[in-house]
């Protein structure tokens, strides 16, 4: 995946629809569209989940490292997280992320981390088709550090199966909350998190992004003149909703800053 640099007039640029997670800039007669470096933090309460899998699920082992790297590469090489990266850079990142997970450098690896594997009965060799890797962070959070399935096995429920299996273990371990992150421009990841039940953690900079995005869409549609009354009311409601949310989070941030100042004083 690469950033886009599209020749057009400034008038054409102003009427372009924006996608969340992407930055839109204009110079030298071109629209420059590149990823925003922002992630959405979400959380979900731990409750029992049904688990149904067409494949074998098992724990992660150190010997899985080569296949984990290959599966990671297959899953992420053409996503927004690696937009404009060279193949060798992506491969190095995949290797480092998996090795750092196994070595405990990304947080304490949790035994609830799981793989989905296919077996070749002729030689009993297993092939990793997906992984859910969890860590305990320094702050004590249980984090879904990495979740991926190889392209041929995506949209078959493997990610849901893997995380559900881990959540059932967390339940017996007394863990109350699971945290996860995704890039707002990764539509597949965003859709999966919402469908699974993750909810966004309040984030002022993200709320500002949503407000700016909704406000721009309302302005764009008004300028084009293709919006009816009901659509406009809906967009205006969204703009006002995010405006109020931004103001609320700004007040919370000010209170937190004041309280920290009082304590340090």
C-alpha atoms as a PDB file:
ATOM      1  CA  UNK A   1       0.000   0.000   0.000  1.00  0.00           C
ATOM      2  CA  UNK A   2       1.282   3.444  -0.924  1.00  0.00           C
ATOM      3  CA  UNK A   3       0.336   7.061  -0.288  1.00  0.00           C
ATOM      4  CA  UNK A   4      -1.435   8.779  -3.166  1.00  0.00           C
ATOM      5  CA  UNK A   5      -0.237  11.873  -5.008  1.00  0.00           C
ATOM      6  CA  UNK A   6      -2.993  12.851  -7.444  1.00  0.00           C
ATOM      7  CA  UNK A   7      -2.819  15.823  -9.841  1.00  0.00           C
ATOM      8  CA  UNK A   8      -5.932  18.023  -9.486  1.00  0.00           C
ATOM      9  CA  UNK A   9      -7.093  21.568  -8.937  1.00  0.00           C
ATOM     10  CA  UNK A  10      -7.564  23.028  -5.468  1.00  0.00           C
ATOM     11  CA  UNK A  11     -11.309  23.197  -6.214  1.00  0.00           C
ATOM     12  CA  UNK A  12     -11.363  19.451  -6.927  1.00  0.00           C
ATOM     13  CA  UNK A  13      -9.307  18.771  -3.800  1.00  0.00           C
ATOM     14  CA  UNK A  14     -11.738  20.668  -1.572  1.00  0.00           C
ATOM     15  CA  UNK A  15     -14.615  18.490  -2.765  1.00  0.00           C
ATOM     16  CA  UNK A  16     -12.858  15.157  -2.158  1.00  0.00           C
ATOM     17  CA  UNK A  17     -14.458  12.870   0.466  1.00  0.00           C
ATOM     18  CA  UNK A  18     -12.127  12.081   3.370  1.00  0.00           C
ATOM     19  CA  UNK A  19     -11.538   8.686   4.916  1.00  0.00           C
ATOM     20  CA  UNK A  20     -10.748   8.434   8.614  1.00  0.00           C
ATOM     21  CA  UNK A  21      -7.170   7.510   9.352  1.00  0.00           C
ATOM     22  CA  UNK A  22      -5.815   9.361   6.328  1.00  0.00           C
ATOM     23  CA  UNK A  23      -4.260  12.819   6.086  1.00  0.00           C
ATOM     24  CA  UNK A  24      -5.270  15.034   3.140  1.00  0.00           C
ATOM     25  CA  UNK A  25      -2.877  17.774   2.008  1.00  0.00           C
ATOM     26  CA  UNK A  26      -2.528  19.890  -1.125  1.00  0.00           C
ATOM     27  CA  UNK A  27       0.533  21.430  -2.722  1.00  0.00           C
ATOM     28  CA  UNK A  28       2.159  21.810  -6.139  1.00  0.00           C
ATOM     29  CA  UNK A  29      -1.080  21.019  -7.929  1.00  0.00           C
ATOM     30  CA  UNK A  30      -1.530  17.617  -6.285  1.00  0.00           C
ATOM     31  CA  UNK A  31      -3.590  16.003  -3.537  1.00  0.00           C
ATOM     32  CA  UNK A  32      -1.291  14.151  -1.135  1.00  0.00           C
ATOM     33  CA  UNK A  33      -3.065  11.406   0.828  1.00  0.00           C
ATOM     34  CA  UNK A  34      -1.039   9.578   3.497  1.00  0.00           C
ATOM     35  CA  UNK A  35      -1.725   7.710   6.770  1.00  0.00           C
ATOM     36  CA  UNK A  36      -2.241   9.538  10.034  1.00  0.00           C
ATOM     37  CA  UNK A  37      -0.070   8.172  12.814  1.00  0.00           C
ATOM     38  CA  UNK A  38      -2.868   7.636  15.310  1.00  0.00           C
ATOM     39  CA  UNK A  39      -4.304   4.518  16.923  1.00  0.00           C
ATOM     40  CA  UNK A  40      -7.669   3.881  18.531  1.00  0.00           C
ATOM     41  CA  UNK A  41      -7.498   2.312  22.009  1.00  0.00           C
ATOM     42  CA  UNK A  42     -10.446   0.093  22.918  1.00  0.00           C
ATOM     43  CA  UNK A  43     -11.471  -2.145  25.798  1.00  0.00           C
ATOM     44  CA  UNK A  44     -13.979  -4.896  26.522  1.00  0.00           C
ATOM     45  CA  UNK A  45     -15.254  -6.440  29.752  1.00  0.00           C
ATOM     46  CA  UNK A  46     -14.408 -10.106  30.203  1.00  0.00           C
ATOM     47  CA  UNK A  47     -17.466 -12.353  29.874  1.00  0.00           C
ATOM     48  CA  UNK A  48     -17.884 -15.986  28.744  1.00  0.00           C
ATOM     49  CA  UNK A  49     -17.745 -16.396  24.964  1.00  0.00           C
ATOM     50  CA  UNK A  50     -18.768 -19.312  22.708  1.00  0.00           C
ATOM     51  CA  UNK A  51     -15.848 -20.921  20.864  1.00  0.00           C
ATOM     52  CA  UNK A  52     -16.256 -22.800  17.602  1.00  0.00           C
ATOM     53  CA  UNK A  53     -13.282 -23.488  15.381  1.00  0.00           C
ATOM     54  CA  UNK A  54     -12.868 -25.462  12.144  1.00  0.00           C
ATOM     55  CA  UNK A  55      -9.173 -25.842  12.984  1.00  0.00           C
ATOM     56  CA  UNK A  56      -6.985 -26.865  15.892  1.00  0.00           C
ATOM     57  CA  UNK A  57      -6.256 -24.195  18.526  1.00  0.00           C
ATOM     58  CA  UNK A  58      -3.130 -24.492  20.653  1.00  0.00           C
ATOM     59  CA  UNK A  59      -0.742 -22.369  22.782  1.00  0.00           C
ATOM     60  CA  UNK A  60       2.253 -20.524  21.320  1.00  0.00           C
ATOM     61  CA  UNK A  61       5.696 -22.136  21.476  1.00  0.00           C
ATOM     62  CA  UNK A  62       9.166 -20.703  20.879  1.00  0.00           C
ATOM     63  CA  UNK A  63       9.575 -23.008  17.882  1.00  0.00           C
ATOM     64  CA  UNK A  64       6.651 -21.234  16.188  1.00  0.00           C
ATOM     65  CA  UNK A  65       8.754 -18.118  15.581  1.00  0.00           C
ATOM     66  CA  UNK A  66       9.525 -18.651  11.831  1.00  0.00           C
ATOM     67  CA  UNK A  67       5.911 -19.433  10.947  1.00  0.00           C
ATOM     68  CA  UNK A  68       4.606 -16.584  13.102  1.00  0.00           C
ATOM     69  CA  UNK A  69       6.834 -14.165  11.207  1.00  0.00           C
ATOM     70  CA  UNK A  70       5.635 -15.525   7.862  1.00  0.00           C
ATOM     71  CA  UNK A  71       1.969 -15.347   8.897  1.00  0.00           C
ATOM     72  CA  UNK A  72       2.439 -11.797  10.229  1.00  0.00           C
ATOM     73  CA  UNK A  73       3.980 -10.744   6.926  1.00  0.00           C
ATOM     74  CA  UNK A  74       1.172 -12.308   4.923  1.00  0.00           C
ATOM     75  CA  UNK A  75      -1.458 -10.566   7.050  1.00  0.00           C
ATOM     76  CA  UNK A  76       0.048  -7.068   7.340  1.00  0.00           C
ATOM     77  CA  UNK A  77       2.276  -6.443   4.309  1.00  0.00           C
ATOM     78  CA  UNK A  78      -0.441  -4.514   2.418  1.00  0.00           C
ATOM     79  CA  UNK A  79      -2.156  -2.658   5.267  1.00  0.00           C
ATOM     80  CA  UNK A  80      -2.177   1.022   6.215  1.00  0.00           C
ATOM     81  CA  UNK A  81       0.194   0.337   9.128  1.00  0.00           C
ATOM     82  CA  UNK A  82       2.958  -0.349   6.594  1.00  0.00           C
ATOM     83  CA  UNK A  83       1.962   2.186   3.935  1.00  0.00           C
ATOM     84  CA  UNK A  84       5.031   3.334   1.946  1.00  0.00           C
ATOM     85  CA  UNK A  85       7.333   0.814   3.647  1.00  0.00           C
ATOM     86  CA  UNK A  86       9.806  -1.117   1.537  1.00  0.00           C
ATOM     87  CA  UNK A  87       9.420  -4.946   1.549  1.00  0.00           C
ATOM     88  CA  UNK A  88      12.678  -5.431   3.440  1.00  0.00           C
ATOM     89  CA  UNK A  89      11.567  -2.905   6.088  1.00  0.00           C
ATOM     90  CA  UNK A  90       8.249  -4.701   6.575  1.00  0.00           C
ATOM     91  CA  UNK A  91      10.037  -8.036   6.879  1.00  0.00           C
ATOM     92  CA  UNK A  92      12.411  -6.622   9.485  1.00  0.00           C
ATOM     93  CA  UNK A  93       9.493  -5.154  11.444  1.00  0.00           C
ATOM     94  CA  UNK A  94       7.647  -8.489  11.362  1.00  0.00           C
ATOM     95  CA  UNK A  95      10.721 -10.316  12.625  1.00  0.00           C
ATOM     96  CA  UNK A  96      11.343  -7.772  15.388  1.00  0.00           C
ATOM     97  CA  UNK A  97       7.715  -7.680  16.573  1.00  0.00           C
ATOM     98  CA  UNK A  98       7.424 -11.466  16.839  1.00  0.00           C
ATOM     99  CA  UNK A  99      10.865 -11.916  18.413  1.00  0.00           C
ATOM    100  CA  UNK A 100      10.224  -9.094  20.886  1.00  0.00           C
ATOM    101  CA  UNK A 101       6.891 -10.657  21.849  1.00  0.00           C
ATOM    102  CA  UNK A 102       8.474 -14.048  22.497  1.00  0.00           C
ATOM    103  CA  UNK A 103      11.319 -12.400  24.442  1.00  0.00           C
ATOM    104  CA  UNK A 104       8.943 -10.392  26.629  1.00  0.00           C
ATOM    105  CA  UNK A 105      10.120  -7.017  25.303  1.00  0.00           C
ATOM    106  CA  UNK A 106       6.579  -5.910  24.377  1.00  0.00           C
ATOM    107  CA  UNK A 107       5.207  -6.872  27.785  1.00  0.00           C
ATOM    108  CA  UNK A 108       4.978 -10.154  29.658  1.00  0.00           C
ATOM    109  CA  UNK A 109       3.708 -12.795  27.171  1.00  0.00           C
ATOM    110  CA  UNK A 110       0.563 -14.454  28.470  1.00  0.00           C
ATOM    111  CA  UNK A 111       0.001 -18.204  28.303  1.00  0.00           C
ATOM    112  CA  UNK A 112      -3.486 -17.498  26.951  1.00  0.00           C
ATOM    113  CA  UNK A 113      -1.943 -16.507  23.599  1.00  0.00           C
ATOM    114  CA  UNK A 114      -3.261 -18.890  20.983  1.00  0.00           C
ATOM    115  CA  UNK A 115      -2.637 -20.132  17.440  1.00  0.00           C
ATOM    116  CA  UNK A 116      -4.947 -21.679  14.876  1.00  0.00           C
ATOM    117  CA  UNK A 117      -3.133 -24.411  12.935  1.00  0.00           C
ATOM    118  CA  UNK A 118      -3.766 -26.806  10.069  1.00  0.00           C
ATOM    119  CA  UNK A 119      -2.126 -30.217  10.073  1.00  0.00           C
ATOM    120  CA  UNK A 120      -0.671 -32.214   7.204  1.00  0.00           C
ATOM    121  CA  UNK A 121      -1.446 -35.797   8.121  1.00  0.00           C
ATOM    122  CA  UNK A 122       1.316 -37.188   5.894  1.00  0.00           C
ATOM    123  CA  UNK A 123       4.125 -35.664   7.936  1.00  0.00           C
ATOM    124  CA  UNK A 124       2.132 -34.268  10.900  1.00  0.00           C
ATOM    125  CA  UNK A 125       3.533 -30.801  10.177  1.00  0.00           C
ATOM    126  CA  UNK A 126       1.395 -27.907  11.393  1.00  0.00           C
ATOM    127  CA  UNK A 127       0.808 -24.669   9.500  1.00  0.00           C
ATOM    128  CA  UNK A 128      -0.146 -21.502  11.383  1.00  0.00           C
ATOM    129  CA  UNK A 129      -3.164 -19.753   9.866  1.00  0.00           C
ATOM    130  CA  UNK A 130      -3.789 -17.225  12.636  1.00  0.00           C
ATOM    131  CA  UNK A 131      -2.570 -15.933  15.995  1.00  0.00           C
ATOM    132  CA  UNK A 132      -3.807 -13.911  18.961  1.00  0.00           C
ATOM    133  CA  UNK A 133      -0.864 -12.761  21.095  1.00  0.00           C
ATOM    134  CA  UNK A 134      -1.518 -11.221  24.505  1.00  0.00           C
ATOM    135  CA  UNK A 135       0.781  -9.435  26.955  1.00  0.00           C
ATOM    136  CA  UNK A 136       0.584  -7.932  30.416  1.00  0.00           C
ATOM    137  CA  UNK A 137       1.824  -4.333  30.126  1.00  0.00           C
ATOM    138  CA  UNK A 138       3.966  -2.473  32.653  1.00  0.00           C
ATOM    139  CA  UNK A 139       0.844  -0.633  33.801  1.00  0.00           C
ATOM    140  CA  UNK A 140      -0.870  -3.971  34.495  1.00  0.00           C
ATOM    141  CA  UNK A 141      -3.247  -3.997  31.533  1.00  0.00           C
ATOM    142  CA  UNK A 142      -4.071  -7.183  29.653  1.00  0.00           C
ATOM    143  CA  UNK A 143      -3.416  -6.208  26.035  1.00  0.00           C
ATOM    144  CA  UNK A 144      -4.248  -7.916  22.760  1.00  0.00           C
ATOM    145  CA  UNK A 145      -0.825  -7.132  21.372  1.00  0.00           C
ATOM    146  CA  UNK A 146      -1.169  -8.744  17.920  1.00  0.00           C
ATOM    147  CA  UNK A 147      -4.051 -10.407  16.106  1.00  0.00           C
ATOM    148  CA  UNK A 148      -3.743 -11.713  12.568  1.00  0.00           C
ATOM    149  CA  UNK A 149      -4.809 -14.430  10.134  1.00  0.00           C
ATOM    150  CA  UNK A 150      -3.294 -15.230   6.758  1.00  0.00           C
ATOM    151  CA  UNK A 151      -5.303 -13.833   3.793  1.00  0.00           C
ATOM    152  CA  UNK A 152      -6.668 -17.217   2.658  1.00  0.00           C
ATOM    153  CA  UNK A 153      -8.268 -17.710   6.090  1.00  0.00           C
ATOM    154  CA  UNK A 154      -9.564 -14.206   6.747  1.00  0.00           C
ATOM    155  CA  UNK A 155     -13.313 -13.593   7.210  1.00  0.00           C
ATOM    156  CA  UNK A 156     -13.812 -17.166   8.451  1.00  0.00           C
ATOM    157  CA  UNK A 157     -14.206 -16.313  12.145  1.00  0.00           C
ATOM    158  CA  UNK A 158     -10.691 -17.321  13.218  1.00  0.00           C
ATOM    159  CA  UNK A 159      -9.865 -13.998  14.892  1.00  0.00           C
ATOM    160  CA  UNK A 160     -13.097 -14.149  16.886  1.00  0.00           C
ATOM    161  CA  UNK A 161     -12.418 -17.768  17.828  1.00  0.00           C
ATOM    162  CA  UNK A 162      -8.878 -17.046  19.018  1.00  0.00           C
ATOM    163  CA  UNK A 163      -9.798 -14.027  21.138  1.00  0.00           C
ATOM    164  CA  UNK A 164     -12.904 -15.740  22.533  1.00  0.00           C
ATOM    165  CA  UNK A 165     -10.835 -18.740  23.630  1.00  0.00           C
ATOM    166  CA  UNK A 166      -8.388 -16.442  25.414  1.00  0.00           C
ATOM    167  CA  UNK A 167     -11.176 -14.427  27.054  1.00  0.00           C
ATOM    168  CA  UNK A 168     -12.632 -17.603  28.556  1.00  0.00           C
ATOM    169  CA  UNK A 169      -9.245 -18.250  30.155  1.00  0.00           C
ATOM    170  CA  UNK A 170      -8.997 -14.669  31.382  1.00  0.00           C
ATOM    171  CA  UNK A 171     -12.352 -15.146  33.089  1.00  0.00           C
ATOM    172  CA  UNK A 172     -10.946 -17.933  35.286  1.00  0.00           C
ATOM    173  CA  UNK A 173      -7.758 -15.933  35.880  1.00  0.00           C
ATOM    174  CA  UNK A 174      -9.806 -13.115  37.394  1.00  0.00           C
ATOM    175  CA  UNK A 175      -8.961 -10.635  34.621  1.00  0.00           C
ATOM    176  CA  UNK A 176     -11.780  -8.115  34.213  1.00  0.00           C
ATOM    177  CA  UNK A 177     -10.838  -6.110  31.112  1.00  0.00           C
ATOM    178  CA  UNK A 178      -9.042  -6.669  27.805  1.00  0.00           C
ATOM    179  CA  UNK A 179      -7.492  -3.753  25.915  1.00  0.00           C
ATOM    180  CA  UNK A 180      -6.791  -3.618  22.181  1.00  0.00           C
ATOM    181  CA  UNK A 181      -5.657  -1.033  19.605  1.00  0.00           C
ATOM    182  CA  UNK A 182      -6.177  -0.524  15.890  1.00  0.00           C
ATOM    183  CA  UNK A 183      -5.421   2.059  13.195  1.00  0.00           C
ATOM    184  CA  UNK A 184      -8.581   4.053  12.290  1.00  0.00           C
ATOM    185  CA  UNK A 185      -7.722   3.635   8.610  1.00  0.00           C
ATOM    186  CA  UNK A 186      -7.665  -0.168   8.840  1.00  0.00           C
ATOM    187  CA  UNK A 187     -11.298  -0.822   7.958  1.00  0.00           C
ATOM    188  CA  UNK A 188     -11.125  -4.585   8.537  1.00  0.00           C
ATOM    189  CA  UNK A 189      -9.660  -4.180  12.016  1.00  0.00           C
ATOM    190  CA  UNK A 190     -12.114  -1.400  12.916  1.00  0.00           C
ATOM    191  CA  UNK A 191     -15.087  -3.514  11.789  1.00  0.00           C
ATOM    192  CA  UNK A 192     -13.863  -6.579  13.681  1.00  0.00           C
ATOM    193  CA  UNK A 193     -13.321  -4.674  16.954  1.00  0.00           C
ATOM    194  CA  UNK A 194     -16.778  -3.094  16.780  1.00  0.00           C
ATOM    195  CA  UNK A 195     -18.471  -6.389  15.919  1.00  0.00           C
ATOM    196  CA  UNK A 196     -16.666  -8.232  18.713  1.00  0.00           C
ATOM    197  CA  UNK A 197     -17.848  -5.651  21.234  1.00  0.00           C
ATOM    198  CA  UNK A 198     -14.790  -3.506  21.944  1.00  0.00           C
ATOM    199  CA  UNK A 199     -15.566   0.094  22.895  1.00  0.00           C
ATOM    200  CA  UNK A 200     -13.325   3.113  22.376  1.00  0.00           C
ATOM    201  CA  UNK A 201     -11.454   4.513  25.361  1.00  0.00           C
ATOM    202  CA  UNK A 202     -12.042   8.311  25.611  1.00  0.00           C
ATOM    203  CA  UNK A 203      -9.289  10.107  23.677  1.00  0.00           C
ATOM    204  CA  UNK A 204      -9.242  13.892  23.191  1.00  0.00           C
ATOM    205  CA  UNK A 205      -7.046  13.906  20.077  1.00  0.00           C
ATOM    206  CA  UNK A 206      -9.210  11.197  18.489  1.00  0.00           C
ATOM    207  CA  UNK A 207     -12.416  13.091  19.330  1.00  0.00           C
ATOM    208  CA  UNK A 208     -10.927  16.178  17.662  1.00  0.00           C
ATOM    209  CA  UNK A 209     -10.175  14.079  14.596  1.00  0.00           C
ATOM    210  CA  UNK A 210     -13.786  12.793  14.452  1.00  0.00           C
ATOM    211  CA  UNK A 211     -15.127  16.337  14.882  1.00  0.00           C
ATOM    212  CA  UNK A 212     -12.877  17.728  12.151  1.00  0.00           C
ATOM    213  CA  UNK A 213     -13.830  14.855   9.828  1.00  0.00           C
ATOM    214  CA  UNK A 214     -17.597  15.305  10.374  1.00  0.00           C
ATOM    215  CA  UNK A 215     -17.362  19.083  10.054  1.00  0.00           C
ATOM    216  CA  UNK A 216     -15.449  18.815   6.795  1.00  0.00           C
ATOM    217  CA  UNK A 217     -17.989  16.342   5.373  1.00  0.00           C
ATOM    218  CA  UNK A 218     -20.855  18.711   6.203  1.00  0.00           C
ATOM    219  CA  UNK A 219     -19.019  21.637   4.593  1.00  0.00           C
ATOM    220  CA  UNK A 220     -18.157  19.520   1.523  1.00  0.00           C
ATOM    221  CA  UNK A 221     -21.700  18.308   0.971  1.00  0.00           C
ATOM    222  CA  UNK A 222     -23.092  21.815   1.405  1.00  0.00           C
ATOM    223  CA  UNK A 223     -20.632  23.128  -1.186  1.00  0.00           C
ATOM    224  CA  UNK A 224     -21.508  20.366  -3.658  1.00  0.00           C
ATOM    225  CA  UNK A 225     -25.197  21.003  -3.008  1.00  0.00           C
ATOM    226  CA  UNK A 226     -26.258  17.350  -3.218  1.00  0.00           C
ATOM    227  CA  UNK A 227     -27.510  16.977   0.351  1.00  0.00           C
ATOM    228  CA  UNK A 228     -31.190  16.885   1.330  1.00  0.00           C
ATOM    229  CA  UNK A 229     -32.657  18.178   4.578  1.00  0.00           C
ATOM    230  CA  UNK A 230     -32.652  14.860   6.460  1.00  0.00           C
ATOM    231  CA  UNK A 231     -29.054  14.062   5.493  1.00  0.00           C
ATOM    232  CA  UNK A 232     -27.925  17.528   6.522  1.00  0.00           C
ATOM    233  CA  UNK A 233     -29.661  17.263   9.892  1.00  0.00           C
ATOM    234  CA  UNK A 234     -27.981  13.904  10.466  1.00  0.00           C
ATOM    235  CA  UNK A 235     -24.513  15.282   9.613  1.00  0.00           C
ATOM    236  CA  UNK A 236     -25.107  18.402  11.685  1.00  0.00           C
ATOM    237  CA  UNK A 237     -26.110  16.221  14.637  1.00  0.00           C
ATOM    238  CA  UNK A 238     -22.876  14.262  14.260  1.00  0.00           C
ATOM    239  CA  UNK A 239     -20.844  17.484  14.131  1.00  0.00           C
ATOM    240  CA  UNK A 240     -22.513  18.800  17.291  1.00  0.00           C
ATOM    241  CA  UNK A 241     -22.104  15.461  19.035  1.00  0.00           C
ATOM    242  CA  UNK A 242     -18.350  15.461  18.466  1.00  0.00           C
ATOM    243  CA  UNK A 243     -18.066  19.171  19.283  1.00  0.00           C
ATOM    244  CA  UNK A 244     -19.642  18.540  22.673  1.00  0.00           C
ATOM    245  CA  UNK A 245     -17.461  15.468  23.207  1.00  0.00           C
ATOM    246  CA  UNK A 246     -14.322  17.484  22.464  1.00  0.00           C
ATOM    247  CA  UNK A 247     -15.372  20.195  24.917  1.00  0.00           C
ATOM    248  CA  UNK A 248     -16.148  17.567  27.574  1.00  0.00           C
ATOM    249  CA  UNK A 249     -12.762  15.862  27.171  1.00  0.00           C
ATOM    250  CA  UNK A 250     -10.963  19.220  27.161  1.00  0.00           C
ATOM    251  CA  UNK A 251     -12.567  20.067  30.508  1.00  0.00           C
ATOM    252  CA  UNK A 252     -11.579  16.653  31.872  1.00  0.00           C
ATOM    253  CA  UNK A 253      -8.005  17.204  30.706  1.00  0.00           C
ATOM    254  CA  UNK A 254      -7.916  20.616  32.400  1.00  0.00           C
ATOM    255  CA  UNK A 255      -9.227  19.155  35.666  1.00  0.00           C
ATOM    256  CA  UNK A 256      -6.641  16.363  35.583  1.00  0.00           C
ATOM    257  CA  UNK A 257      -3.866  18.874  34.908  1.00  0.00           C
ATOM    258  CA  UNK A 258      -5.076  21.070  37.789  1.00  0.00           C
ATOM    259  CA  UNK A 259      -5.272  18.112  40.183  1.00  0.00           C
ATOM    260  CA  UNK A 260      -1.748  16.992  39.262  1.00  0.00           C
ATOM    261  CA  UNK A 261      -0.487  20.546  39.770  1.00  0.00           C
ATOM    262  CA  UNK A 262      -2.155  20.709  43.186  1.00  0.00           C
ATOM    263  CA  UNK A 263      -0.574  17.423  44.269  1.00  0.00           C
ATOM    264  CA  UNK A 264       2.904  18.373  43.037  1.00  0.00           C
ATOM    265  CA  UNK A 265       2.589  21.802  44.673  1.00  0.00           C
END
